[in-house]
Amino acid sequence: MIFVPNIKSLELGEKFSRRRDPSGIGDLRYLTFLDLQDNRLTGSIPTPIFNITTMQNIGLAGNNLAGEVLVELGNLKNLQVLILPQNEFTGLVPASIFNTSALKVLAQALRK
């Protein structure tokens, strides 16, 4: 995959190969919109996302992501929309996610 560093929107719903490593996403410093829905991603939320302070919209629904929703999401002060259902997350949504006054939509389903 070729990344263009100044890109602002990246929509790879159902197109991102599960064999690809999403770690390069953290290099997209101006990204505001990220859609990685329905890609069968595994593991936890890709941590490079937490480095993109311009991020406003994250769609990760319909993957196989697991574990707890990480408190680092609270570092994304411009985050307005976070879509996480249809994964295998456990625990509670961390309170840090509500540190941003910009958050308007949070869609999440947690397993017990």
N, C-alpha and C. Protein backbone atom coordinates (compact mmCIF):
# COMPACT_ATOMS: atom_id res chain seq x y z
N MET A 1 0.84 -1.17 0.00
CA MET A 1 0.00 0.00 0.00
C MET A 1 0.89 1.24 0.00
N ILE A 2 0.54 2.21 -0.76
CA ILE A 2 1.28 3.47 -0.83
C ILE A 2 0.51 4.52 -0.03
N PHE A 3 1.20 5.18 0.88
CA PHE A 3 0.58 6.21 1.68
C PHE A 3 1.01 7.58 1.17
N VAL A 4 0.07 8.47 1.08
CA VAL A 4 0.34 9.86 0.72
C VAL A 4 0.26 10.64 2.04
N PRO A 5 1.37 11.20 2.52
CA PRO A 5 1.41 11.77 3.87
C PRO A 5 0.38 12.86 4.15
N ASN A 6 -0.06 13.62 3.15
CA ASN A 6 -0.99 14.72 3.39
C ASN A 6 -2.45 14.33 3.20
N ILE A 7 -2.72 13.06 3.02
CA ILE A 7 -4.10 12.60 2.80
C ILE A 7 -4.95 12.89 4.05
N LYS A 8 -6.19 13.27 3.83
CA LYS A 8 -7.09 13.60 4.94
C LYS A 8 -8.17 12.55 5.16
N SER A 9 -8.48 11.76 4.13
CA SER A 9 -9.54 10.77 4.24
C SER A 9 -9.06 9.45 3.65
N LEU A 10 -9.26 8.37 4.41
CA LEU A 10 -8.84 7.05 3.96
C LEU A 10 -9.98 6.08 4.21
N GLU A 11 -10.61 5.64 3.14
CA GLU A 11 -11.75 4.73 3.24
C GLU A 11 -11.37 3.40 2.62
N LEU A 12 -11.14 2.41 3.49
CA LEU A 12 -10.73 1.09 3.05
C LEU A 12 -11.69 0.01 3.54
N GLY A 13 -12.94 0.38 3.78
CA GLY A 13 -13.93 -0.58 4.21
C GLY A 13 -14.02 -1.74 3.23
N GLU A 14 -13.88 -2.94 3.74
CA GLU A 14 -13.94 -4.19 2.98
C GLU A 14 -12.84 -4.30 1.92
N LYS A 15 -11.82 -3.46 1.97
CA LYS A 15 -10.78 -3.49 0.94
C LYS A 15 -9.38 -3.72 1.51
N PHE A 16 -9.21 -3.54 2.79
CA PHE A 16 -7.90 -3.64 3.41
C PHE A 16 -7.61 -5.10 3.71
N SER A 17 -6.59 -5.64 3.15
CA SER A 17 -6.25 -7.05 3.35
C SER A 17 -5.88 -7.31 4.80
N ARG A 18 -6.42 -8.37 5.36
CA ARG A 18 -6.10 -8.69 6.75
C ARG A 18 -4.64 -9.08 6.92
N ARG A 19 -3.96 -9.36 5.83
CA ARG A 19 -2.54 -9.68 5.89
C ARG A 19 -1.68 -8.43 5.92
N ARG A 20 -2.26 -7.30 5.69
CA ARG A 20 -1.48 -6.05 5.71
C ARG A 20 -1.42 -5.50 7.13
N ASP A 21 -0.34 -4.86 7.42
CA ASP A 21 -0.12 -4.27 8.73
C ASP A 21 -0.56 -2.81 8.70
N PRO A 22 -1.55 -2.43 9.52
CA PRO A 22 -2.03 -1.05 9.48
C PRO A 22 -1.14 -0.05 10.22
N SER A 23 0.06 -0.47 10.63
CA SER A 23 0.91 0.42 11.42
C SER A 23 1.32 1.68 10.67
N GLY A 24 1.40 1.66 9.35
CA GLY A 24 1.76 2.83 8.57
C GLY A 24 0.74 3.94 8.61
N ILE A 25 -0.44 3.63 9.09
CA ILE A 25 -1.50 4.63 9.18
C ILE A 25 -1.08 5.78 10.10
N GLY A 26 -0.27 5.49 11.10
CA GLY A 26 0.18 6.51 12.03
C GLY A 26 1.02 7.60 11.38
N ASP A 27 1.55 7.33 10.19
CA ASP A 27 2.35 8.32 9.47
C ASP A 27 1.48 9.37 8.77
N LEU A 28 0.19 9.15 8.73
CA LEU A 28 -0.73 10.07 8.04
C LEU A 28 -1.18 11.15 9.02
N ARG A 29 -0.33 12.10 9.28
CA ARG A 29 -0.54 13.10 10.32
C ARG A 29 -1.73 14.02 10.10
N TYR A 30 -2.23 14.14 8.88
CA TYR A 30 -3.34 15.05 8.59
C TYR A 30 -4.67 14.31 8.40
N LEU A 31 -4.66 13.02 8.67
CA LEU A 31 -5.86 12.21 8.48
C LEU A 31 -6.97 12.65 9.44
N THR A 32 -8.16 12.85 8.89
CA THR A 32 -9.32 13.20 9.72
C THR A 32 -10.40 12.11 9.67
N PHE A 33 -10.39 11.28 8.61
CA PHE A 33 -11.42 10.27 8.42
C PHE A 33 -10.75 8.93 8.10
N LEU A 34 -11.04 7.91 8.91
CA LEU A 34 -10.47 6.58 8.69
C LEU A 34 -11.57 5.54 8.76
N ASP A 35 -11.75 4.81 7.67
CA ASP A 35 -12.74 3.73 7.62
C ASP A 35 -12.01 2.43 7.31
N LEU A 36 -11.92 1.57 8.33
CA LEU A 36 -11.35 0.23 8.16
C LEU A 36 -12.40 -0.82 8.52
N GLN A 37 -13.67 -0.51 8.29
CA GLN A 37 -14.74 -1.42 8.66
C GLN A 37 -14.78 -2.65 7.76
N ASP A 38 -15.18 -3.78 8.37
CA ASP A 38 -15.40 -5.04 7.65
C ASP A 38 -14.15 -5.54 6.94
N ASN A 39 -13.03 -5.56 7.64
CA ASN A 39 -11.78 -6.00 7.06
C ASN A 39 -11.16 -7.22 7.74
N ARG A 40 -11.83 -7.77 8.72
CA ARG A 40 -11.33 -8.94 9.46
C ARG A 40 -10.00 -8.67 10.15
N LEU A 41 -9.79 -7.43 10.57
CA LEU A 41 -8.59 -7.11 11.34
C LEU A 41 -8.66 -7.82 12.69
N THR A 42 -7.52 -8.26 13.20
CA THR A 42 -7.47 -8.96 14.48
C THR A 42 -6.56 -8.22 15.44
N GLY A 43 -6.59 -8.63 16.70
CA GLY A 43 -5.76 -8.00 17.73
C GLY A 43 -6.51 -6.84 18.36
N SER A 44 -5.76 -5.86 18.82
CA SER A 44 -6.38 -4.68 19.43
C SER A 44 -6.49 -3.56 18.40
N ILE A 45 -7.06 -2.44 18.82
CA ILE A 45 -7.14 -1.28 17.93
C ILE A 45 -5.72 -0.90 17.54
N PRO A 46 -5.46 -0.71 16.25
CA PRO A 46 -4.09 -0.35 15.83
C PRO A 46 -3.61 0.92 16.54
N THR A 47 -2.59 0.78 17.37
CA THR A 47 -2.13 1.90 18.20
C THR A 47 -1.60 3.09 17.41
N PRO A 48 -1.11 2.94 16.16
CA PRO A 48 -0.67 4.14 15.43
C PRO A 48 -1.79 5.17 15.24
N ILE A 49 -3.02 4.73 15.31
CA ILE A 49 -4.15 5.66 15.18
C ILE A 49 -4.10 6.73 16.26
N PHE A 50 -3.59 6.38 17.45
CA PHE A 50 -3.58 7.31 18.57
C PHE A 50 -2.61 8.46 18.37
N ASN A 51 -1.74 8.38 17.37
CA ASN A 51 -0.77 9.44 17.08
C ASN A 51 -1.32 10.50 16.14
N ILE A 52 -2.49 10.27 15.59
CA ILE A 52 -3.05 11.19 14.59
C ILE A 52 -3.99 12.16 15.29
N THR A 53 -3.46 13.27 15.72
CA THR A 53 -4.23 14.21 16.54
C THR A 53 -5.31 14.94 15.75
N THR A 54 -5.26 14.89 14.42
CA THR A 54 -6.28 15.54 13.60
C THR A 54 -7.51 14.64 13.37
N MET A 55 -7.45 13.39 13.83
CA MET A 55 -8.51 12.41 13.56
C MET A 55 -9.85 12.87 14.11
N GLN A 56 -10.88 12.82 13.26
CA GLN A 56 -12.24 13.19 13.64
C GLN A 56 -13.21 12.03 13.56
N ASN A 57 -12.96 11.06 12.68
CA ASN A 57 -13.91 9.98 12.45
C ASN A 57 -13.16 8.67 12.28
N ILE A 58 -13.48 7.67 13.13
CA ILE A 58 -12.85 6.34 13.04
C ILE A 58 -13.95 5.30 12.94
N GLY A 59 -13.89 4.49 11.88
CA GLY A 59 -14.81 3.37 11.71
C GLY A 59 -14.06 2.06 11.71
N LEU A 60 -14.27 1.25 12.76
CA LEU A 60 -13.59 -0.04 12.88
C LEU A 60 -14.58 -1.18 13.06
N ALA A 61 -15.84 -0.96 12.79
CA ALA A 61 -16.87 -1.99 12.99
C ALA A 61 -16.65 -3.17 12.06
N GLY A 62 -17.15 -4.33 12.47
CA GLY A 62 -17.16 -5.50 11.60
C GLY A 62 -15.81 -6.14 11.38
N ASN A 63 -14.92 -6.03 12.35
CA ASN A 63 -13.63 -6.70 12.29
C ASN A 63 -13.60 -7.79 13.36
N ASN A 64 -12.44 -8.27 13.70
CA ASN A 64 -12.27 -9.24 14.78
C ASN A 64 -11.34 -8.67 15.83
N LEU A 65 -11.44 -7.36 16.06
CA LEU A 65 -10.62 -6.71 17.06
C LEU A 65 -11.09 -7.15 18.45
N ALA A 66 -10.15 -7.28 19.38
CA ALA A 66 -10.49 -7.82 20.70
C ALA A 66 -9.77 -7.06 21.80
N GLY A 67 -10.09 -7.43 23.03
CA GLY A 67 -9.47 -6.81 24.20
C GLY A 67 -10.26 -5.60 24.64
N GLU A 68 -9.63 -4.80 25.48
CA GLU A 68 -10.28 -3.60 25.97
C GLU A 68 -10.08 -2.44 25.01
N VAL A 69 -11.05 -1.54 25.00
CA VAL A 69 -10.91 -0.30 24.23
C VAL A 69 -9.89 0.54 24.98
N LEU A 70 -8.82 0.92 24.33
CA LEU A 70 -7.68 1.53 25.00
C LEU A 70 -7.94 2.98 25.40
N VAL A 71 -7.42 3.35 26.57
CA VAL A 71 -7.62 4.70 27.10
C VAL A 71 -6.99 5.76 26.20
N GLU A 72 -6.03 5.38 25.37
CA GLU A 72 -5.36 6.33 24.49
C GLU A 72 -6.31 7.00 23.50
N LEU A 73 -7.48 6.42 23.28
CA LEU A 73 -8.46 7.07 22.41
C LEU A 73 -8.83 8.44 22.94
N GLY A 74 -8.71 8.63 24.24
CA GLY A 74 -9.00 9.92 24.85
C GLY A 74 -8.01 11.00 24.45
N ASN A 75 -6.88 10.60 23.86
CA ASN A 75 -5.88 11.58 23.40
C ASN A 75 -6.30 12.25 22.10
N LEU A 76 -7.28 11.70 21.43
CA LEU A 76 -7.73 12.24 20.14
C LEU A 76 -8.77 13.33 20.41
N LYS A 77 -8.30 14.51 20.70
CA LYS A 77 -9.16 15.62 21.14
C LYS A 77 -10.13 16.11 20.07
N ASN A 78 -9.87 15.80 18.79
CA ASN A 78 -10.76 16.23 17.71
C ASN A 78 -11.75 15.15 17.30
N LEU A 79 -11.70 14.00 17.97
CA LEU A 79 -12.55 12.87 17.59
C LEU A 79 -14.03 13.20 17.77
N GLN A 80 -14.79 13.05 16.69
CA GLN A 80 -16.23 13.33 16.71
C GLN A 80 -17.06 12.06 16.60
N VAL A 81 -16.57 11.07 15.83
CA VAL A 81 -17.33 9.84 15.58
C VAL A 81 -16.41 8.65 15.79
N LEU A 82 -16.87 7.68 16.59
CA LEU A 82 -16.13 6.45 16.83
C LEU A 82 -17.11 5.28 16.68
N ILE A 83 -16.87 4.44 15.67
CA ILE A 83 -17.76 3.32 15.37
C ILE A 83 -17.00 2.02 15.62
N LEU A 84 -17.42 1.24 16.63
CA LEU A 84 -16.69 0.04 17.03
C LEU A 84 -17.49 -1.26 17.08
N PRO A 85 -18.80 -1.31 16.82
CA PRO A 85 -19.55 -2.56 16.99
C PRO A 85 -19.04 -3.70 16.11
N GLN A 86 -19.52 -4.87 16.43
CA GLN A 86 -19.23 -6.11 15.69
C GLN A 86 -17.75 -6.45 15.74
N ASN A 87 -17.19 -6.33 16.93
CA ASN A 87 -15.84 -6.77 17.26
C ASN A 87 -15.95 -7.61 18.52
N GLU A 88 -14.85 -7.91 19.14
CA GLU A 88 -14.83 -8.75 20.34
C GLU A 88 -14.29 -8.00 21.55
N PHE A 89 -14.58 -6.71 21.65
CA PHE A 89 -14.08 -5.91 22.76
C PHE A 89 -14.71 -6.35 24.07
N THR A 90 -13.95 -6.19 25.16
CA THR A 90 -14.43 -6.53 26.49
C THR A 90 -14.23 -5.33 27.41
N GLY A 91 -14.85 -5.39 28.57
CA GLY A 91 -14.67 -4.32 29.55
C GLY A 91 -15.55 -3.12 29.28
N LEU A 92 -15.19 -2.02 29.88
CA LEU A 92 -15.96 -0.79 29.77
C LEU A 92 -15.29 0.18 28.80
N VAL A 93 -16.08 1.07 28.26
CA VAL A 93 -15.52 2.16 27.46
C VAL A 93 -14.75 3.05 28.44
N PRO A 94 -13.48 3.33 28.17
CA PRO A 94 -12.71 4.12 29.14
C PRO A 94 -13.24 5.55 29.25
N ALA A 95 -13.22 6.06 30.47
CA ALA A 95 -13.72 7.42 30.71
C ALA A 95 -12.93 8.46 29.93
N SER A 96 -11.67 8.16 29.61
CA SER A 96 -10.84 9.12 28.89
C SER A 96 -11.41 9.50 27.53
N ILE A 97 -12.23 8.63 26.97
CA ILE A 97 -12.80 8.89 25.65
C ILE A 97 -13.75 10.09 25.70
N PHE A 98 -14.24 10.39 26.88
CA PHE A 98 -15.16 11.51 27.02
C PHE A 98 -14.43 12.81 27.38
N ASN A 99 -13.09 12.78 27.35
CA ASN A 99 -12.29 13.98 27.59
C ASN A 99 -12.40 14.96 26.44
N THR A 100 -12.82 14.48 25.29
CA THR A 100 -12.95 15.35 24.13
C THR A 100 -14.37 15.90 24.06
N SER A 101 -14.48 17.18 23.99
CA SER A 101 -15.81 17.81 23.88
C SER A 101 -16.34 17.69 22.47
N ALA A 102 -15.50 17.25 21.52
CA ALA A 102 -15.91 17.13 20.13
C ALA A 102 -16.74 15.87 19.87
N LEU A 103 -16.64 14.84 20.72
CA LEU A 103 -17.30 13.56 20.48
C LEU A 103 -18.81 13.72 20.39
N LYS A 104 -19.36 13.30 19.25
CA LYS A 104 -20.80 13.40 19.00
C LYS A 104 -21.46 12.04 18.88
N VAL A 105 -20.72 11.05 18.34
CA VAL A 105 -21.29 9.72 18.11
C VAL A 105 -20.32 8.66 18.62
N LEU A 106 -20.82 7.78 19.47
CA LEU A 106 -20.05 6.63 19.93
C LEU A 106 -20.92 5.40 19.75
N ALA A 107 -20.55 4.55 18.84
CA ALA A 107 -21.28 3.30 18.62
C ALA A 107 -20.37 2.17 19.07
N GLN A 108 -20.84 1.42 20.08
CA GLN A 108 -20.01 0.38 20.64
C GLN A 108 -20.87 -0.72 21.21
N ALA A 109 -20.42 -1.94 21.10
CA ALA A 109 -21.03 -3.09 21.76
C ALA A 109 -19.90 -3.86 22.40
N LEU A 110 -19.95 -4.00 23.73
CA LEU A 110 -18.91 -4.71 24.47
C LEU A 110 -19.44 -6.06 24.93
N ARG A 111 -18.57 -7.04 24.92
CA ARG A 111 -18.91 -8.35 25.47
C ARG A 111 -18.58 -8.36 26.94
N LYS A 112 -19.27 -9.19 27.69
CA LYS A 112 -19.03 -9.28 29.14
C LYS A 112 -17.73 -9.97 29.43
